[in-house]
Amino acid sequence: MPRYEIVDQIRAAVAAVTRQHEFLKWLKEEKVGDGLVLLNNSFIFRQKLQTIKNDLYLGIPVRTSSHLGVSNVVVARGIAFNSDFKFVDLKGMKKLEVQEVNPAIDQQLKQLGSIVMVLIGEVLDTVVTRAPIEHSLFSELELNPSTTAALAIKDGIIQVRSISDEEETDVLMAFLTIIFGGGPRLNSENRLWVAHPCGFVFCKGAQNQVLTPAPAS
């Protein structure tokens, strides 16, 4: 992304902040004169945490509460604060290191590697969720990511492995349609889902796949 596009996005984001109710309320209550309005760069205050908080803050040059220099956003360092917004007057600005946004972006881009974000670890999807259903044969619908089958029935409980997988969701919806009085139907891939003595089956061409109920323990 070219630098000018980054600058445009930053300015647009800052302008959007200045239109938010929280900012307008703060601005009305704050005594703002010549100086800078700084935007916090984190949703938590990290002084007592073993993490590193960026020391750069976006700043809006101001003259009065009705004169905000959103198009002249700057970058400031040399201050820490535990609020969403912070006004710094001209005297306080002397203690800050303030620079234009363009050179600040250039400096940050030089430090930014090719891999912006890496997840180190493993995502575990082990939460089991249950909901009661009104049916003479089944008592609950259970979302259980650890189950091996896309759809299984055990002890009157309908077990589903995933509701984010499109094909497995089709299995569930077709099954529920049938047990609650519906009939066979075609899914988005023109597969016909029908009840089967051995479990549940979908048909496409000459191939059938049967989903069998889990054996009772």
Protein backbone atom coordinates (compact mmCIF):
# COMPACT_ATOMS: atom_id res chain seq x y z
CA MET A 1 0.00 0.00 0.00
CA PRO A 2 1.44 3.40 -0.97
CA ARG A 3 2.21 5.79 1.86
CA TYR A 4 -0.35 8.34 0.71
CA GLU A 5 -3.09 5.72 1.06
CA ILE A 6 -1.94 4.97 4.61
CA VAL A 7 -2.03 8.69 5.43
CA ASP A 8 -5.51 9.02 3.94
CA GLN A 9 -6.76 6.07 5.98
CA ILE A 10 -5.29 7.48 9.19
CA ARG A 11 -6.86 10.88 8.60
CA ALA A 12 -10.21 9.33 7.74
CA ALA A 13 -10.10 7.19 10.91
CA VAL A 14 -9.23 10.20 13.07
CA ALA A 15 -12.03 12.21 11.48
CA ALA A 16 -14.44 9.37 12.25
CA VAL A 17 -13.35 9.42 15.91
CA THR A 18 -14.08 13.15 16.17
CA ARG A 19 -17.66 12.48 15.08
CA GLN A 20 -18.32 9.88 17.74
CA HIS A 21 -20.59 10.68 20.68
CA GLU A 22 -17.88 9.85 23.25
CA PHE A 23 -15.43 12.31 21.69
CA LEU A 24 -18.00 15.07 21.29
CA LYS A 25 -19.07 14.65 24.92
CA TRP A 26 -15.45 14.78 26.10
CA LEU A 27 -14.74 17.82 23.92
CA LYS A 28 -17.73 19.68 25.37
CA GLU A 29 -16.57 19.04 28.94
CA GLU A 30 -12.85 19.67 28.31
CA LYS A 31 -11.29 23.13 28.32
CA VAL A 32 -9.57 23.09 24.95
CA GLY A 33 -7.37 25.89 23.61
CA ASP A 34 -4.21 26.03 21.54
CA GLY A 35 -2.47 22.67 21.68
CA LEU A 36 -2.97 19.02 20.81
CA VAL A 37 -5.73 16.50 21.39
CA LEU A 38 -4.10 13.07 21.71
CA LEU A 39 -5.91 9.80 20.99
CA ASN A 40 -5.05 6.82 23.16
CA ASN A 41 -3.50 3.97 21.20
CA SER A 42 -4.70 1.14 23.43
CA PHE A 43 -7.95 0.07 25.06
CA ILE A 44 -6.10 -0.85 28.29
CA PHE A 45 -3.59 0.98 30.47
CA ARG A 46 -0.46 -1.14 30.55
CA GLN A 47 1.70 0.38 33.27
CA LYS A 48 1.18 -2.56 35.62
CA LEU A 49 1.19 -5.22 32.90
CA GLN A 50 4.11 -7.17 31.50
CA THR A 51 3.42 -5.96 27.97
CA ILE A 52 4.86 -3.21 25.81
CA LYS A 53 2.65 -0.27 24.89
CA ASN A 54 3.51 1.74 21.81
CA ASP A 55 4.77 5.19 22.81
CA LEU A 56 3.39 6.95 19.72
CA TYR A 57 0.05 8.75 19.82
CA LEU A 58 -1.93 10.38 17.05
CA GLY A 59 -2.51 14.06 17.78
CA ILE A 60 -5.00 16.58 16.41
CA PRO A 61 -3.80 20.19 16.39
CA VAL A 62 -6.49 22.42 17.93
CA ARG A 63 -7.12 26.11 18.52
CA THR A 64 -10.56 25.82 20.12
CA SER A 65 -13.10 23.05 20.54
CA SER A 66 -14.62 24.06 17.22
CA HIS A 67 -11.31 24.29 15.34
CA LEU A 68 -9.83 20.81 15.00
CA GLY A 69 -6.99 20.28 12.55
CA VAL A 70 -8.01 16.78 11.51
CA SER A 71 -6.32 17.15 8.12
CA ASN A 72 -3.04 18.01 9.89
CA VAL A 73 -2.75 14.96 12.13
CA VAL A 74 0.63 14.60 13.83
CA VAL A 75 2.38 11.91 15.85
CA ALA A 76 3.56 12.56 19.41
CA ARG A 77 5.59 10.70 22.03
CA GLY A 78 6.76 11.45 25.54
CA ILE A 79 3.55 11.11 27.51
CA ALA A 80 1.40 8.38 29.08
CA PHE A 81 -2.24 8.71 29.99
CA ASN A 82 -5.11 6.50 31.09
CA SER A 83 -8.04 7.96 29.18
CA ASP A 84 -9.41 7.81 25.66
CA PHE A 85 -8.46 11.41 24.89
CA LYS A 86 -5.95 13.86 26.33
CA PHE A 87 -5.58 17.61 25.74
CA VAL A 88 -2.04 19.00 25.92
CA ASP A 89 -1.62 22.78 25.87
CA LEU A 90 1.27 24.65 24.23
CA LYS A 91 3.34 24.55 27.41
CA GLY A 92 2.88 20.81 27.75
CA MET A 93 3.71 20.28 24.07
CA LYS A 94 7.26 21.49 24.74
CA LYS A 95 7.85 18.26 26.64
CA LEU A 96 6.66 16.14 23.72
CA GLU A 97 8.42 14.94 20.61
CA VAL A 98 6.03 15.86 17.81
CA GLN A 99 6.46 15.05 14.13
CA GLU A 100 4.42 15.09 10.96
CA VAL A 101 2.55 11.90 10.15
CA ASN A 102 4.40 11.25 6.85
CA PRO A 103 7.93 10.81 8.27
CA ALA A 104 6.49 8.89 11.23
CA ILE A 105 4.88 6.41 8.83
CA ASP A 106 8.17 6.04 6.93
CA GLN A 107 9.99 5.20 10.17
CA GLN A 108 7.39 2.64 11.18
CA LEU A 109 7.33 1.00 7.75
CA LYS A 110 11.10 0.49 7.95
CA GLN A 111 10.64 -1.40 11.23
CA LEU A 112 7.70 -3.44 9.98
CA GLY A 113 8.63 -6.93 8.79
CA SER A 114 7.00 -8.92 6.03
CA ILE A 115 4.98 -10.96 8.54
CA VAL A 116 2.75 -8.48 10.35
CA MET A 117 1.04 -10.92 12.71
CA VAL A 118 1.84 -14.49 13.67
CA LEU A 119 -0.24 -16.67 15.96
CA ILE A 120 2.02 -18.86 18.08
CA GLY A 121 0.12 -21.64 19.73
CA GLU A 122 -2.92 -23.74 19.04
CA VAL A 123 -6.59 -22.86 18.81
CA LEU A 124 -8.69 -25.38 20.72
CA ASP A 125 -12.37 -25.74 19.93
CA THR A 126 -13.59 -27.89 22.80
CA VAL A 127 -16.64 -26.06 24.11
CA VAL A 128 -19.79 -28.20 24.16
CA THR A 129 -23.08 -26.32 23.81
CA ARG A 130 -26.52 -27.85 24.38
CA ALA A 131 -30.08 -26.66 23.79
CA PRO A 132 -33.34 -28.50 24.54
CA ILE A 133 -35.70 -29.35 21.68
CA GLU A 134 -39.34 -30.40 21.72
CA HIS A 135 -39.53 -33.77 20.00
CA SER A 136 -40.86 -37.17 21.03
CA LEU A 137 -37.61 -38.97 20.12
CA PHE A 138 -34.94 -36.38 20.89
CA SER A 139 -34.36 -34.24 23.96
CA GLU A 140 -31.42 -32.01 23.08
CA LEU A 141 -29.37 -30.57 20.25
CA GLU A 142 -25.68 -30.65 21.13
CA LEU A 143 -22.80 -28.82 19.40
CA ASN A 144 -19.73 -30.88 20.19
CA PRO A 145 -16.57 -30.11 18.16
CA SER A 146 -14.83 -33.22 19.53
CA THR A 147 -17.29 -35.69 18.03
CA THR A 148 -16.00 -37.66 15.05
CA ALA A 149 -19.18 -37.64 12.95
CA ALA A 150 -20.76 -34.63 11.29
CA LEU A 151 -24.11 -35.73 12.72
CA ALA A 152 -24.78 -38.42 15.31
CA ILE A 153 -27.59 -39.51 17.62
CA LYS A 154 -26.80 -40.83 21.07
CA ASP A 155 -29.18 -41.39 23.99
CA GLY A 156 -31.81 -39.15 22.43
CA ILE A 157 -29.34 -36.33 21.86
CA ILE A 158 -28.59 -35.01 18.36
CA GLN A 159 -24.87 -34.35 18.23
CA VAL A 160 -23.45 -31.92 15.67
CA ARG A 161 -19.76 -31.41 15.09
CA SER A 162 -19.85 -27.97 13.42
CA ILE A 163 -22.22 -25.21 12.41
CA SER A 164 -19.55 -23.22 10.55
CA ASP A 165 -18.89 -25.89 7.93
CA GLU A 166 -21.38 -25.39 5.10
CA GLU A 167 -21.76 -29.06 4.20
CA GLU A 168 -22.17 -30.19 7.79
CA THR A 169 -24.73 -27.44 8.37
CA ASP A 170 -26.63 -28.76 5.35
CA VAL A 171 -26.67 -32.19 6.99
CA LEU A 172 -28.12 -30.78 10.19
CA MET A 173 -30.73 -28.61 8.51
CA ALA A 174 -31.91 -31.42 6.27
CA PHE A 175 -32.19 -33.78 9.23
CA LEU A 176 -34.12 -31.26 11.32
CA THR A 177 -36.41 -30.55 8.39
CA ILE A 178 -37.30 -34.22 8.16
CA ILE A 179 -37.79 -34.97 11.87
CA PHE A 180 -39.97 -31.92 12.35
CA GLY A 181 -42.32 -32.84 9.54
CA GLY A 182 -40.47 -31.87 6.38
CA GLY A 183 -39.38 -34.11 3.58
CA PRO A 184 -36.34 -34.80 1.43
CA ARG A 185 -34.86 -31.74 -0.25
CA LEU A 186 -32.03 -30.67 -2.54
CA ASN A 187 -29.18 -28.69 -1.03
CA SER A 188 -27.08 -26.02 -2.77
CA GLU A 189 -25.02 -28.74 -4.51
CA ASN A 190 -28.15 -30.53 -5.75
CA ARG A 191 -27.62 -33.35 -3.26
CA LEU A 192 -30.76 -35.08 -2.06
CA TRP A 193 -30.91 -35.61 1.70
CA VAL A 194 -33.21 -38.43 2.71
CA ALA A 195 -33.90 -40.54 5.78
CA HIS A 196 -32.23 -43.98 5.69
CA PRO A 197 -32.75 -47.11 7.83
CA CYS A 198 -29.04 -47.11 8.71
CA GLY A 199 -28.89 -43.46 9.62
CA PHE A 200 -28.88 -40.48 7.28
CA VAL A 201 -27.80 -40.43 3.66
CA PHE A 202 -27.11 -37.93 0.94
CA CYS A 203 -27.22 -38.93 -2.71
CA LYS A 204 -25.41 -37.38 -5.64
CA GLY A 205 -25.29 -39.26 -8.92
CA ALA A 206 -24.50 -42.90 -8.20
CA GLN A 207 -22.71 -42.22 -4.90
CA ASN A 208 -24.30 -42.45 -1.48
CA GLN A 209 -22.78 -41.53 1.86
CA VAL A 210 -24.40 -42.77 5.05
CA LEU A 211 -24.10 -40.98 8.38
CA THR A 212 -24.71 -43.63 11.02
CA PRO A 213 -25.87 -42.94 14.57
CA ALA A 214 -23.25 -43.27 17.29
CA PRO A 215 -23.48 -46.59 19.16
CA ALA A 216 -25.00 -46.41 22.60
CA SER A 217 -22.47 -46.61 25.42
